[in-house]
Amino acid sequence: MTKAERGQAGERNAELHLRTKGFRVLNRNWRKGRDEIDLVCLHEGTLVFVEVRTREESALISGYHSVGYKKKRALLRVCKAYLTSHRRQSAHYRFDLVEVRWKKKVKATCLHYENVALFTDHSH
């Protein structure tokens, strides 16, 4: 399996995981220019932007810690663009990260980090 195929499979796993928790997926791979957010969901009246990070179980850096400064800036740009173009969807929003841990020949596991600090206090 290539890295791109593993990433797509990870996004499908993350989506299934979120659906079991009551999330409704509104958009997949939403783009604005060169920036992209993997999933845009609605959960209990809150708009949730989700970045999915797929990692081998043996990876030295976790998916959570793999989101660096440049990626955070790109995520913030695309989230703000989404909010601007979809004004009526929800007054409340947050950013979540789902790390998909990939094990060879075993079902992948999902770690869901809710309300990760991406937005500044004055951006809500």
PDB file of N, CA and C in Angstrom:
ATOM      1  N   MET A   1       0.844  -1.176   0.000  1.00  0.00           N
ATOM      2  CA  MET A   1       0.000   0.000   0.000  1.00  0.00           C
ATOM      3  C   MET A   1       0.892   1.243   0.000  1.00  0.00           C
ATOM      4  N   THR A   2       0.587   2.179  -0.910  1.00  0.00           N
ATOM      5  CA  THR A   2       1.378   3.408  -0.973  1.00  0.00           C
ATOM      6  C   THR A   2       0.995   4.340   0.178  1.00  0.00           C
ATOM      7  N   LYS A   3       1.808   5.364   0.369  1.00  0.00           N
ATOM      8  CA  LYS A   3       1.531   6.344   1.431  1.00  0.00           C
ATOM      9  C   LYS A   3       0.190   7.055   1.180  1.00  0.00           C
ATOM     10  N   ALA A   4      -0.080   7.399  -0.096  1.00  0.00           N
ATOM     11  CA  ALA A   4      -1.347   8.068  -0.429  1.00  0.00           C
ATOM     12  C   ALA A   4      -2.540   7.152  -0.161  1.00  0.00           C
ATOM     13  N   GLU A   5      -2.411   5.875  -0.537  1.00  0.00           N
ATOM     14  CA  GLU A   5      -3.495   4.922  -0.291  1.00  0.00           C
ATOM     15  C   GLU A   5      -3.726   4.724   1.206  1.00  0.00           C
ATOM     16  N   ARG A   6      -2.652   4.677   1.967  1.00  0.00           N
ATOM     17  CA  ARG A   6      -2.773   4.530   3.419  1.00  0.00           C
ATOM     18  C   ARG A   6      -3.455   5.760   4.018  1.00  0.00           C
ATOM     19  N   GLY A   7      -3.111   6.942   3.503  1.00  0.00           N
ATOM     20  CA  GLY A   7      -3.754   8.170   3.972  1.00  0.00           C
ATOM     21  C   GLY A   7      -5.240   8.186   3.685  1.00  0.00           C
ATOM     22  N   GLN A   8      -5.630   7.744   2.488  1.00  0.00           N
ATOM     23  CA  GLN A   8      -7.052   7.682   2.138  1.00  0.00           C
ATOM     24  C   GLN A   8      -7.782   6.660   3.002  1.00  0.00           C
ATOM     25  N   ALA A   9      -7.144   5.516   3.235  1.00  0.00           N
ATOM     26  CA  ALA A   9      -7.749   4.501   4.098  1.00  0.00           C
ATOM     27  C   ALA A   9      -7.878   5.034   5.525  1.00  0.00           C
ATOM     28  N   GLY A  10      -6.884   5.793   5.971  1.00  0.00           N
ATOM     29  CA  GLY A  10      -6.937   6.401   7.301  1.00  0.00           C
ATOM     30  C   GLY A  10      -8.099   7.375   7.422  1.00  0.00           C
ATOM     31  N   GLU A  11      -8.327   8.171   6.388  1.00  0.00           N
ATOM     32  CA  GLU A  11      -9.453   9.112   6.404  1.00  0.00           C
ATOM     33  C   GLU A  11     -10.785   8.372   6.460  1.00  0.00           C
ATOM     34  N   ARG A  12     -10.890   7.259   5.736  1.00  0.00           N
ATOM     35  CA  ARG A  12     -12.129   6.460   5.796  1.00  0.00           C
ATOM     36  C   ARG A  12     -12.327   5.881   7.201  1.00  0.00           C
ATOM     37  N   ASN A  13     -11.240   5.386   7.806  1.00  0.00           N
ATOM     38  CA  ASN A  13     -11.320   4.865   9.176  1.00  0.00           C
ATOM     39  C   ASN A  13     -11.738   5.961  10.153  1.00  0.00           C
ATOM     40  N   ALA A  14     -11.154   7.146  10.009  1.00  0.00           N
ATOM     41  CA  ALA A  14     -11.488   8.262  10.894  1.00  0.00           C
ATOM     42  C   ALA A  14     -12.952   8.651  10.739  1.00  0.00           C
ATOM     43  N   GLU A  15     -13.424   8.683   9.497  1.00  0.00           N
ATOM     44  CA  GLU A  15     -14.818   9.036   9.254  1.00  0.00           C
ATOM     45  C   GLU A  15     -15.761   8.026   9.904  1.00  0.00           C
ATOM     46  N   LEU A  16     -15.484   6.753   9.750  1.00  0.00           N
ATOM     47  CA  LEU A  16     -16.320   5.722  10.388  1.00  0.00           C
ATOM     48  C   LEU A  16     -16.303   5.871  11.909  1.00  0.00           C
ATOM     49  N   HIS A  17     -15.127   6.137  12.461  1.00  0.00           N
ATOM     50  CA  HIS A  17     -14.986   6.331  13.906  1.00  0.00           C
ATOM     51  C   HIS A  17     -15.842   7.513  14.376  1.00  0.00           C
ATOM     52  N   LEU A  18     -15.782   8.620  13.645  1.00  0.00           N
ATOM     53  CA  LEU A  18     -16.543   9.802  14.034  1.00  0.00           C
ATOM     54  C   LEU A  18     -18.049   9.563  13.906  1.00  0.00           C
ATOM     55  N   ARG A  19     -18.454   8.861  12.875  1.00  0.00           N
ATOM     56  CA  ARG A  19     -19.885   8.558  12.701  1.00  0.00           C
ATOM     57  C   ARG A  19     -20.418   7.746  13.879  1.00  0.00           C
ATOM     58  N   THR A  20     -19.620   6.821  14.402  1.00  0.00           N
ATOM     59  CA  THR A  20     -20.075   6.024  15.550  1.00  0.00           C
ATOM     60  C   THR A  20     -20.228   6.894  16.796  1.00  0.00           C
ATOM     61  N   LYS A  21     -19.566   8.053  16.805  1.00  0.00           N
ATOM     62  CA  LYS A  21     -19.677   8.976  17.939  1.00  0.00           C
ATOM     63  C   LYS A  21     -20.759  10.033  17.707  1.00  0.00           C
ATOM     64  N   GLY A  22     -21.517   9.896  16.625  1.00  0.00           N
ATOM     65  CA  GLY A  22     -22.620  10.811  16.366  1.00  0.00           C
ATOM     66  C   GLY A  22     -22.282  12.003  15.489  1.00  0.00           C
ATOM     67  N   PHE A  23     -21.128  12.019  14.864  1.00  0.00           N
ATOM     68  CA  PHE A  23     -20.745  13.108  13.961  1.00  0.00           C
ATOM     69  C   PHE A  23     -21.423  12.912  12.613  1.00  0.00           C
ATOM     70  N   ARG A  24     -21.833  14.019  11.999  1.00  0.00           N
ATOM     71  CA  ARG A  24     -22.374  13.983  10.642  1.00  0.00           C
ATOM     72  C   ARG A  24     -21.364  14.680   9.746  1.00  0.00           C
ATOM     73  N   VAL A  25     -20.880  13.978   8.735  1.00  0.00           N
ATOM     74  CA  VAL A  25     -19.868  14.534   7.831  1.00  0.00           C
ATOM     75  C   VAL A  25     -20.557  15.428   6.808  1.00  0.00           C
ATOM     76  N   LEU A  26     -20.120  16.689   6.743  1.00  0.00           N
ATOM     77  CA  LEU A  26     -20.676  17.649   5.795  1.00  0.00           C
ATOM     78  C   LEU A  26     -19.825  17.733   4.533  1.00  0.00           C
ATOM     79  N   ASN A  27     -18.507  17.699   4.696  1.00  0.00           N
ATOM     80  CA  ASN A  27     -17.580  17.801   3.569  1.00  0.00           C
ATOM     81  C   ASN A  27     -16.351  16.943   3.809  1.00  0.00           C
ATOM     82  N   ARG A  28     -15.816  16.402   2.726  1.00  0.00           N
ATOM     83  CA  ARG A  28     -14.553  15.668   2.755  1.00  0.00           C
ATOM     84  C   ARG A  28     -13.554  16.418   1.885  1.00  0.00           C
ATOM     85  N   ASN A  29     -12.344  16.563   2.368  1.00  0.00           N
ATOM     86  CA  ASN A  29     -11.259  17.179   1.602  1.00  0.00           C
ATOM     87  C   ASN A  29     -11.660  18.531   1.010  1.00  0.00           C
ATOM     88  N   TRP A  30     -12.187  19.405   1.867  1.00  0.00           N
ATOM     89  CA  TRP A  30     -12.610  20.735   1.421  1.00  0.00           C
ATOM     90  C   TRP A  30     -11.376  21.595   1.182  1.00  0.00           C
ATOM     91  N   ARG A  31     -11.326  22.244   0.021  1.00  0.00           N
ATOM     92  CA  ARG A  31     -10.148  23.019  -0.366  1.00  0.00           C
ATOM     93  C   ARG A  31     -10.467  24.491  -0.582  1.00  0.00           C
ATOM     94  N   LYS A  32      -9.467  25.290  -0.265  1.00  0.00           N
ATOM     95  CA  LYS A  32      -9.462  26.705  -0.629  1.00  0.00           C
ATOM     96  C   LYS A  32      -8.037  26.996  -1.062  1.00  0.00           C
ATOM     97  N   GLY A  33      -7.855  27.198  -2.350  1.00  0.00           N
ATOM     98  CA  GLY A  33      -6.501  27.381  -2.878  1.00  0.00           C
ATOM     99  C   GLY A  33      -5.689  26.117  -2.660  1.00  0.00           C
ATOM    100  N   ARG A  34      -4.534  26.255  -2.063  1.00  0.00           N
ATOM    101  CA  ARG A  34      -3.667  25.090  -1.819  1.00  0.00           C
ATOM    102  C   ARG A  34      -3.920  24.435  -0.458  1.00  0.00           C
ATOM    103  N   ASP A  35      -4.793  25.035   0.339  1.00  0.00           N
ATOM    104  CA  ASP A  35      -5.071  24.523   1.687  1.00  0.00           C
ATOM    105  C   ASP A  35      -6.258  23.562   1.655  1.00  0.00           C
ATOM    106  N   GLU A  36      -6.229  22.570   2.551  1.00  0.00           N
ATOM    107  CA  GLU A  36      -7.284  21.562   2.596  1.00  0.00           C
ATOM    108  C   GLU A  36      -7.539  21.135   4.040  1.00  0.00           C
ATOM    109  N   ILE A  37      -8.813  20.886   4.333  1.00  0.00           N
ATOM    110  CA  ILE A  37      -9.197  20.282   5.613  1.00  0.00           C
ATOM    111  C   ILE A  37      -9.814  18.920   5.276  1.00  0.00           C
ATOM    112  N   ASP A  38      -9.410  17.888   5.999  1.00  0.00           N
ATOM    113  CA  ASP A  38      -9.825  16.527   5.665  1.00  0.00           C
ATOM    114  C   ASP A  38     -11.320  16.305   5.809  1.00  0.00           C
ATOM    115  N   LEU A  39     -11.878  16.684   6.950  1.00  0.00           N
ATOM    116  CA  LEU A  39     -13.310  16.483   7.191  1.00  0.00           C
ATOM    117  C   LEU A  39     -13.907  17.718   7.859  1.00  0.00           C
ATOM    118  N   VAL A  40     -15.108  18.048   7.448  1.00  0.00           N
ATOM    119  CA  VAL A  40     -15.894  19.075   8.132  1.00  0.00           C
ATOM    120  C   VAL A  40     -17.156  18.359   8.597  1.00  0.00           C
ATOM    121  N   CYS A  41     -17.393  18.403   9.908  1.00  0.00           N
ATOM    122  CA  CYS A  41     -18.500  17.642  10.501  1.00  0.00           C
ATOM    123  C   CYS A  41     -19.382  18.538  11.346  1.00  0.00           C
ATOM    124  N   LEU A  42     -20.532  18.005  11.673  1.00  0.00           N
ATOM    125  CA  LEU A  42     -21.432  18.649  12.626  1.00  0.00           C
ATOM    126  C   LEU A  42     -21.640  17.667  13.764  1.00  0.00           C
ATOM    127  N   HIS A  43     -21.441  18.141  15.002  1.00  0.00           N
ATOM    128  CA  HIS A  43     -21.607  17.281  16.171  1.00  0.00           C
ATOM    129  C   HIS A  43     -22.281  18.081  17.276  1.00  0.00           C
ATOM    130  N   GLU A  44     -23.469  17.687  17.622  1.00  0.00           N
ATOM    131  CA  GLU A  44     -24.239  18.334  18.684  1.00  0.00           C
ATOM    132  C   GLU A  44     -24.292  19.850  18.522  1.00  0.00           C
ATOM    133  N   GLY A  45     -24.566  20.298  17.300  1.00  0.00           N
ATOM    134  CA  GLY A  45     -24.714  21.722  17.023  1.00  0.00           C
ATOM    135  C   GLY A  45     -23.416  22.484  16.832  1.00  0.00           C
ATOM    136  N   THR A  46     -22.288  21.812  16.912  1.00  0.00           N
ATOM    137  CA  THR A  46     -20.992  22.456  16.741  1.00  0.00           C
ATOM    138  C   THR A  46     -20.368  22.013  15.426  1.00  0.00           C
ATOM    139  N   LEU A  47     -19.858  22.975  14.670  1.00  0.00           N
ATOM    140  CA  LEU A  47     -19.132  22.680  13.449  1.00  0.00           C
ATOM    141  C   LEU A  47     -17.729  22.225  13.849  1.00  0.00           C
ATOM    142  N   VAL A  48     -17.299  21.072  13.356  1.00  0.00           N
ATOM    143  CA  VAL A  48     -16.016  20.505  13.761  1.00  0.00           C
ATOM    144  C   VAL A  48     -15.136  20.301  12.532  1.00  0.00           C
ATOM    145  N   PHE A  49     -13.988  20.955  12.531  1.00  0.00           N
ATOM    146  CA  PHE A  49     -12.982  20.768  11.490  1.00  0.00           C
ATOM    147  C   PHE A  49     -12.050  19.655  11.964  1.00  0.00           C
ATOM    148  N   VAL A  50     -11.805  18.670  11.101  1.00  0.00           N
ATOM    149  CA  VAL A  50     -11.023  17.504  11.512  1.00  0.00           C
ATOM    150  C   VAL A  50      -9.837  17.288  10.579  1.00  0.00           C
ATOM    151  N   GLU A  51      -8.660  17.254  11.157  1.00  0.00           N
ATOM    152  CA  GLU A  51      -7.441  16.852  10.440  1.00  0.00           C
ATOM    153  C   GLU A  51      -7.176  15.404  10.800  1.00  0.00           C
ATOM    154  N   VAL A  52      -6.914  14.583   9.786  1.00  0.00           N
ATOM    155  CA  VAL A  52      -6.631  13.162  10.005  1.00  0.00           C
ATOM    156  C   VAL A  52      -5.154  12.921   9.731  1.00  0.00           C
ATOM    157  N   ARG A  53      -4.499  12.271  10.662  1.00  0.00           N
ATOM    158  CA  ARG A  53      -3.082  11.920  10.515  1.00  0.00           C
ATOM    159  C   ARG A  53      -2.956  10.410  10.646  1.00  0.00           C
ATOM    160  N   THR A  54      -2.490   9.772   9.594  1.00  0.00           N
ATOM    161  CA  THR A  54      -2.330   8.324   9.587  1.00  0.00           C
ATOM    162  C   THR A  54      -0.864   7.998   9.800  1.00  0.00           C
ATOM    163  N   ARG A  55      -0.604   7.129  10.754  1.00  0.00           N
ATOM    164  CA  ARG A  55       0.761   6.769  11.126  1.00  0.00           C
ATOM    165  C   ARG A  55       0.883   5.261  11.295  1.00  0.00           C
ATOM    166  N   GLU A  56       2.057   4.754  10.954  1.00  0.00           N
ATOM    167  CA  GLU A  56       2.384   3.368  11.289  1.00  0.00           C
ATOM    168  C   GLU A  56       2.457   3.272  12.804  1.00  0.00           C
ATOM    169  N   GLU A  57       2.095   2.135  13.333  1.00  0.00           N
ATOM    170  CA  GLU A  57       2.146   1.923  14.783  1.00  0.00           C
ATOM    171  C   GLU A  57       3.550   2.198  15.335  1.00  0.00           C
ATOM    172  N   SER A  58       4.579   1.927  14.522  1.00  0.00           N
ATOM    173  CA  SER A  58       5.965   2.082  14.978  1.00  0.00           C
ATOM    174  C   SER A  58       6.544   3.480  14.726  1.00  0.00           C
ATOM    175  N   ALA A  59       5.734   4.413  14.254  1.00  0.00           N
ATOM    176  CA  ALA A  59       6.235   5.759  13.942  1.00  0.00           C
ATOM    177  C   ALA A  59       6.830   6.430  15.174  1.00  0.00           C
ATOM    178  N   LEU A  60       7.923   7.147  14.963  1.00  0.00           N
ATOM    179  CA  LEU A  60       8.595   7.826  16.069  1.00  0.00           C
ATOM    180  C   LEU A  60       7.848   9.076  16.529  1.00  0.00           C
ATOM    181  N   ILE A  61       7.143   9.717  15.596  1.00  0.00           N
ATOM    182  CA  ILE A  61       6.389  10.932  15.923  1.00  0.00           C
ATOM    183  C   ILE A  61       4.906  10.623  15.773  1.00  0.00           C
ATOM    184  N   SER A  62       4.137  10.930  16.788  1.00  0.00           N
ATOM    185  CA  SER A  62       2.695  10.673  16.735  1.00  0.00           C
ATOM    186  C   SER A  62       2.029  11.609  15.732  1.00  0.00           C
ATOM    187  N   GLY A  63       0.844  11.240  15.314  1.00  0.00           N
ATOM    188  CA  GLY A  63       0.084  12.095  14.416  1.00  0.00           C
ATOM    189  C   GLY A  63      -0.220  13.443  15.048  1.00  0.00           C
ATOM    190  N   TYR A  64      -0.512  13.417  16.330  1.00  0.00           N
ATOM    191  CA  TYR A  64      -0.807  14.652  17.062  1.00  0.00           C
ATOM    192  C   TYR A  64       0.394  15.610  17.002  1.00  0.00           C
ATOM    193  N   HIS A  65       1.572  15.093  17.252  1.00  0.00           N
ATOM    194  CA  HIS A  65       2.771  15.926  17.277  1.00  0.00           C
ATOM    195  C   HIS A  65       3.339  16.214  15.885  1.00  0.00           C
ATOM    196  N   SER A  66       2.780  15.589  14.854  1.00  0.00           N
ATOM    197  CA  SER A  66       3.283  15.819  13.497  1.00  0.00           C
ATOM    198  C   SER A  66       2.715  17.087  12.869  1.00  0.00           C
ATOM    199  N   VAL A  67       1.766  17.716  13.524  1.00  0.00           N
ATOM    200  CA  VAL A  67       1.177  18.954  12.999  1.00  0.00           C
ATOM    201  C   VAL A  67       2.026  20.121  13.494  1.00  0.00           C
ATOM    202  N   GLY A  68       2.866  20.600  12.602  1.00  0.00           N
ATOM    203  CA  GLY A  68       3.783  21.683  12.947  1.00  0.00           C
ATOM    204  C   GLY A  68       3.199  23.061  12.683  1.00  0.00           C
ATOM    205  N   TYR A  69       4.030  24.053  12.870  1.00  0.00           N
ATOM    206  CA  TYR A  69       3.627  25.456  12.740  1.00  0.00           C
ATOM    207  C   TYR A  69       3.048  25.769  11.358  1.00  0.00           C
ATOM    208  N   LYS A  70       3.730  25.346  10.285  1.00  0.00           N
ATOM    209  CA  LYS A  70       3.254  25.638   8.928  1.00  0.00           C
ATOM    210  C   LYS A  70       1.907  24.976   8.658  1.00  0.00           C
ATOM    211  N   LYS A  71       1.759  23.746   9.098  1.00  0.00           N
ATOM    212  CA  LYS A  71       0.495  23.028   8.889  1.00  0.00           C
ATOM    213  C   LYS A  71      -0.629  23.694   9.681  1.00  0.00           C
ATOM    214  N   LYS A  72      -0.341  24.121  10.899  1.00  0.00           N
ATOM    215  CA  LYS A  72      -1.358  24.816  11.696  1.00  0.00           C
ATOM    216  C   LYS A  72      -1.806  26.096  11.017  1.00  0.00           C
ATOM    217  N   ARG A  73      -0.867  26.834  10.451  1.00  0.00           N
ATOM    218  CA  ARG A  73      -1.228  28.069   9.739  1.00  0.00           C
ATOM    219  C   ARG A  73      -2.122  27.760   8.541  1.00  0.00           C
ATOM    220  N   ALA A  74      -1.770  26.702   7.784  1.00  0.00           N
ATOM    221  CA  ALA A  74      -2.580  26.316   6.624  1.00  0.00           C
ATOM    222  C   ALA A  74      -3.971  25.870   7.064  1.00  0.00           C
ATOM    223  N   LEU A  75      -4.049  25.105   8.153  1.00  0.00           N
ATOM    224  CA  LEU A  75      -5.348  24.662   8.670  1.00  0.00           C
ATOM    225  C   LEU A  75      -6.192  25.847   9.120  1.00  0.00           C
ATOM    226  N   LEU A  76      -5.573  26.790   9.777  1.00  0.00           N
ATOM    227  CA  LEU A  76      -6.303  27.982  10.228  1.00  0.00           C
ATOM    228  C   LEU A  76      -6.848  28.759   9.031  1.00  0.00           C
ATOM    229  N   ARG A  77      -6.045  28.903   7.977  1.00  0.00           N
ATOM    230  CA  ARG A  77      -6.502  29.608   6.771  1.00  0.00           C
ATOM    231  C   ARG A  77      -7.710  28.910   6.145  1.00  0.00           C
ATOM    232  N   VAL A  78      -7.634  27.593   6.002  1.00  0.00           N
ATOM    233  CA  VAL A  78      -8.718  26.890   5.331  1.00  0.00           C
ATOM    234  C   VAL A  78      -9.977  26.867   6.199  1.00  0.00           C
ATOM    235  N   CYS A  79      -9.829  26.768   7.499  1.00  0.00           N
ATOM    236  CA  CYS A  79     -10.996  26.807   8.394  1.00  0.00           C
ATOM    237  C   CYS A  79     -11.681  28.163   8.329  1.00  0.00           C
ATOM    238  N   LYS A  80     -10.892  29.225   8.334  1.00  0.00           N
ATOM    239  CA  LYS A  80     -11.477  30.571   8.241  1.00  0.00           C
ATOM    240  C   LYS A  80     -12.169  30.767   6.898  1.00  0.00           C
ATOM    241  N   ALA A  81     -11.582  30.242   5.821  1.00  0.00           N
ATOM    242  CA  ALA A  81     -12.208  30.349   4.498  1.00  0.00           C
ATOM    243  C   ALA A  81     -13.538  29.603   4.472  1.00  0.00           C
ATOM    244  N   TYR A  82     -13.578  28.438   5.106  1.00  0.00           N
ATOM    245  CA  TYR A  82     -14.821  27.674   5.171  1.00  0.00           C
ATOM    246  C   TYR A  82     -15.882  28.458   5.940  1.00  0.00           C
ATOM    247  N   LEU A  83     -15.501  29.020   7.077  1.00  0.00           N
ATOM    248  CA  LEU A  83     -16.449  29.791   7.879  1.00  0.00           C
ATOM    249  C   LEU A  83     -16.988  30.987   7.099  1.00  0.00           C
ATOM    250  N   THR A  84     -16.135  31.630   6.333  1.00  0.00           N
ATOM    251  CA  THR A  84     -16.550  32.782   5.534  1.00  0.00           C
ATOM    252  C   THR A  84     -17.547  32.373   4.454  1.00  0.00           C
ATOM    253  N   SER A  85     -17.315  31.223   3.823  1.00  0.00           N
ATOM    254  CA  SER A  85     -18.182  30.816   2.718  1.00  0.00           C
ATOM    255  C   SER A  85     -19.426  30.044   3.166  1.00  0.00           C
ATOM    256  N   HIS A  86     -19.491  29.631   4.429  1.00  0.00           N
ATOM    257  CA  HIS A  86     -20.642  28.884   4.952  1.00  0.00           C
ATOM    258  C   HIS A  86     -21.143  29.532   6.249  1.00  0.00           C
ATOM    259  N   ARG A  87     -21.490  30.769   6.193  1.00  0.00           N
ATOM    260  CA  ARG A  87     -21.820  31.559   7.385  1.00  0.00           C
ATOM    261  C   ARG A  87     -22.967  30.997   8.227  1.00  0.00           C
ATOM    262  N   ARG A  88     -23.928  30.344   7.629  1.00  0.00           N
ATOM    263  CA  ARG A  88     -25.128  29.953   8.364  1.00  0.00           C
ATOM    264  C   ARG A  88     -25.062  28.568   8.992  1.00  0.00           C
ATOM    265  N   GLN A  89     -23.960  27.858   8.930  1.00  0.00           N
ATOM    266  CA  GLN A  89     -23.960  26.478   9.415  1.00  0.00           C
ATOM    267  C   GLN A  89     -23.950  26.363  10.928  1.00  0.00           C
ATOM    268  N   SER A  90     -23.140  27.119  11.638  1.00  0.00           N
ATOM    269  CA  SER A  90     -23.102  27.012  13.093  1.00  0.00           C
ATOM    270  C   SER A  90     -22.381  28.217  13.676  1.00  0.00           C
ATOM    271  N   ALA A  91     -22.870  28.670  14.817  1.00  0.00           N
ATOM    272  CA  ALA A  91     -22.211  29.778  15.506  1.00  0.00           C
ATOM    273  C   ALA A  91     -21.003  29.281  16.295  1.00  0.00           C
ATOM    274  N   HIS A  92     -20.966  27.992  16.603  1.00  0.00           N
ATOM    275  CA  HIS A  92     -19.870  27.420  17.387  1.00  0.00           C
ATOM    276  C   HIS A  92     -19.056  26.473  16.516  1.00  0.00           C
ATOM    277  N   TYR A  93     -17.747  26.505  16.697  1.00  0.00           N
ATOM    278  CA  TYR A  93     -16.879  25.615  15.932  1.00  0.00           C
ATOM    279  C   TYR A  93     -15.647  25.275  16.745  1.00  0.00           C
ATOM    280  N   ARG A  94     -15.003  24.183  16.319  1.00  0.00           N
ATOM    281  CA  ARG A  94     -13.778  23.761  16.992  1.00  0.00           C
ATOM    282  C   ARG A  94     -12.940  22.953  16.006  1.00  0.00           C
ATOM    283  N   PHE A  95     -11.734  22.641  16.440  1.00  0.00           N
ATOM    284  CA  PHE A  95     -10.815  21.853  15.628  1.00  0.00           C
ATOM    285  C   PHE A  95     -10.472  20.562  16.368  1.00  0.00           C
ATOM    286  N   ASP A  96     -10.640  19.432  15.701  1.00  0.00           N
ATOM    287  CA  ASP A  96     -10.284  18.123  16.254  1.00  0.00           C
ATOM    288  C   ASP A  96      -9.217  17.477  15.383  1.00  0.00           C
ATOM    289  N   LEU A  97      -8.488  16.575  15.970  1.00  0.00           N
ATOM    290  CA  LEU A  97      -7.498  15.802  15.232  1.00  0.00           C
ATOM    291  C   LEU A  97      -7.755  14.318  15.502  1.00  0.00           C
ATOM    292  N   VAL A  98      -7.766  13.525  14.446  1.00  0.00           N
ATOM    293  CA  VAL A  98      -7.903  12.080  14.595  1.00  0.00           C
ATOM    294  C   VAL A  98      -6.617  11.446  14.090  1.00  0.00           C
ATOM    295  N   GLU A  99      -5.971  10.709  14.969  1.00  0.00           N
ATOM    296  CA  GLU A  99      -4.767   9.976  14.606  1.00  0.00           C
ATOM    297  C   GLU A  99      -5.158   8.526  14.367  1.00  0.00           C
ATOM    298  N   VAL A 100      -4.868   8.034  13.169  1.00  0.00           N
ATOM    299  CA  VAL A 100      -5.148   6.644  12.828  1.00  0.00           C
ATOM    300  C   VAL A 100      -3.825   5.890  12.924  1.00  0.00           C
ATOM    301  N   ARG A 101      -3.769   4.947  13.860  1.00  0.00           N
ATOM    302  CA  ARG A 101      -2.567   4.126  14.049  1.00  0.00           C
ATOM    303  C   ARG A 101      -2.718   2.868  13.211  1.00  0.00           C
ATOM    304  N   TRP A 102      -1.844   2.711  12.224  1.00  0.00           N
ATOM    305  CA  TRP A 102      -1.927   1.631  11.257  1.00  0.00           C
ATOM    306  C   TRP A 102      -1.069   0.458  11.702  1.00  0.00           C
ATOM    307  N   LYS A 103      -1.684  -0.701  11.843  1.00  0.00           N
ATOM    308  CA  LYS A 103      -0.956  -1.917  12.198  1.00  0.00           C
ATOM    309  C   LYS A 103      -1.031  -2.880  11.018  1.00  0.00           C
ATOM    310  N   LYS A 104       0.052  -3.533  10.719  1.00  0.00           N
ATOM    311  CA  LYS A 104       0.048  -4.496   9.618  1.00  0.00           C
ATOM    312  C   LYS A 104      -0.859  -5.674   9.954  1.00  0.00           C
ATOM    313  N   LYS A 105      -1.759  -5.983   9.010  1.00  0.00           N
ATOM    314  CA  LYS A 105      -2.672  -7.126   9.100  1.00  0.00           C
ATOM    315  C   LYS A 105      -3.611  -7.075  10.307  1.00  0.00           C
ATOM    316  N   VAL A 106      -3.745  -5.907  10.915  1.00  0.00           N
ATOM    317  CA  VAL A 106      -4.653  -5.737  12.051  1.00  0.00           C
ATOM    318  C   VAL A 106      -5.454  -4.467  11.802  1.00  0.00           C
ATOM    319  N   LYS A 107      -6.668  -4.442  12.303  1.00  0.00           N
ATOM    320  CA  LYS A 107      -7.518  -3.264  12.142  1.00  0.00           C
ATOM    321  C   LYS A 107      -6.844  -2.030  12.743  1.00  0.00           C
ATOM    322  N   ALA A 108      -6.937  -0.910  12.041  1.00  0.00           N
ATOM    323  CA  ALA A 108      -6.359   0.348  12.521  1.00  0.00           C
ATOM    324  C   ALA A 108      -7.132   0.846  13.738  1.00  0.00           C
ATOM    325  N   THR A 109      -6.455   1.580  14.602  1.00  0.00           N
ATOM    326  CA  THR A 109      -7.113   2.186  15.753  1.00  0.00           C
ATOM    327  C   THR A 109      -7.113   3.703  15.587  1.00  0.00           C
ATOM    328  N   CYS A 110      -8.136   4.339  16.119  1.00  0.00           N
ATOM    329  CA  CYS A 110      -8.271   5.792  16.018  1.00  0.00           C
ATOM    330  C   CYS A 110      -8.154   6.431  17.393  1.00  0.00           C
ATOM    331  N   LEU A 111      -7.339   7.466  17.467  1.00  0.00           N
ATOM    332  CA  LEU A 111      -7.237   8.289  18.671  1.00  0.00           C
ATOM    333  C   LEU A 111      -7.834   9.644  18.312  1.00  0.00           C
ATOM    334  N   HIS A 112      -8.854  10.057  19.034  1.00  0.00           N
ATOM    335  CA  HIS A 112      -9.578  11.289  18.726  1.00  0.00           C
ATOM    336  C   HIS A 112      -9.237  12.352  19.762  1.00  0.00           C
ATOM    337  N   TYR A 113      -8.610  13.429  19.296  1.00  0.00           N
ATOM    338  CA  TYR A 113      -8.272  14.561  20.164  1.00  0.00           C
ATOM    339  C   TYR A 113      -9.265  15.677  19.868  1.00  0.00           C
ATOM    340  N   GLU A 114     -10.093  15.995  20.832  1.00  0.00           N
ATOM    341  CA  GLU A 114     -11.135  17.006  20.640  1.00  0.00           C
ATOM    342  C   GLU A 114     -10.669  18.386  21.087  1.00  0.00           C
ATOM    343  N   ASN A 115     -11.159  19.393  20.371  1.00  0.00           N
ATOM    344  CA  ASN A 115     -10.938  20.792  20.722  1.00  0.00           C
ATOM    345  C   ASN A 115      -9.451  21.128  20.878  1.00  0.00           C
ATOM    346  N   VAL A 116      -8.678  20.763  19.869  1.00  0.00           N
ATOM    347  CA  VAL A 116      -7.244  21.058  19.842  1.00  0.00           C
ATOM    348  C   VAL A 116      -7.064  22.559  19.619  1.00  0.00           C
ATOM    349  N   ALA A 117      -6.129  23.152  20.317  1.00  0.00           N
ATOM    350  CA  ALA A 117      -5.890  24.598  20.219  1.00  0.00           C
ATOM    351  C   ALA A 117      -5.348  24.940  18.820  1.00  0.00           C
ATOM    352  N   LEU A 118      -6.191  25.528  18.001  1.00  0.00           N
ATOM    353  CA  LEU A 118      -5.793  26.011  16.701  1.00  0.00           C
ATOM    354  C   LEU A 118      -6.257  27.455  16.539  1.00  0.00           C
ATOM    355  N   PHE A 119      -7.469  27.700  17.005  1.00  0.00           N
ATOM    356  CA  PHE A 119      -8.051  29.030  16.910  1.00  0.00           C
ATOM    357  C   PHE A 119      -7.645  29.857  18.137  1.00  0.00           C
ATOM    358  N   THR A 120      -7.388  31.126  17.918  1.00  0.00           N
ATOM    359  CA  THR A 120      -7.112  32.019  19.029  1.00  0.00           C
ATOM    360  C   THR A 120      -8.424  32.344  19.727  1.00  0.00           C
ATOM    361  N   ASP A 121      -8.349  32.829  20.953  1.00  0.00           N
ATOM    362  CA  ASP A 121      -9.550  33.126  21.714  1.00  0.00           C
ATOM    363  C   ASP A 121     -10.472  34.117  21.011  1.00  0.00           C
ATOM    364  N   HIS A 122      -9.902  35.075  20.273  1.00  0.00           N
ATOM    365  CA  HIS A 122     -10.748  36.092  19.642  1.00  0.00           C
ATOM    366  C   HIS A 122     -11.282  35.661  18.272  1.00  0.00           C
ATOM    367  N   SER A 123     -10.970  34.447  17.796  1.00  0.00           N
ATOM    368  CA  SER A 123     -11.446  34.028  16.477  1.00  0.00           C
ATOM    369  C   SER A 123     -12.788  33.319  16.538  1.00  0.00           C
ATOM    370  N   HIS A 124     -13.253  32.886  17.716  1.00  0.00           N
ATOM    371  CA  HIS A 124     -14.522  32.149  17.804  1.00  0.00           C
ATOM    372  C   HIS A 124     -15.667  33.075  17.524  1.00  0.00           C
TER     373      HIS A 124
END
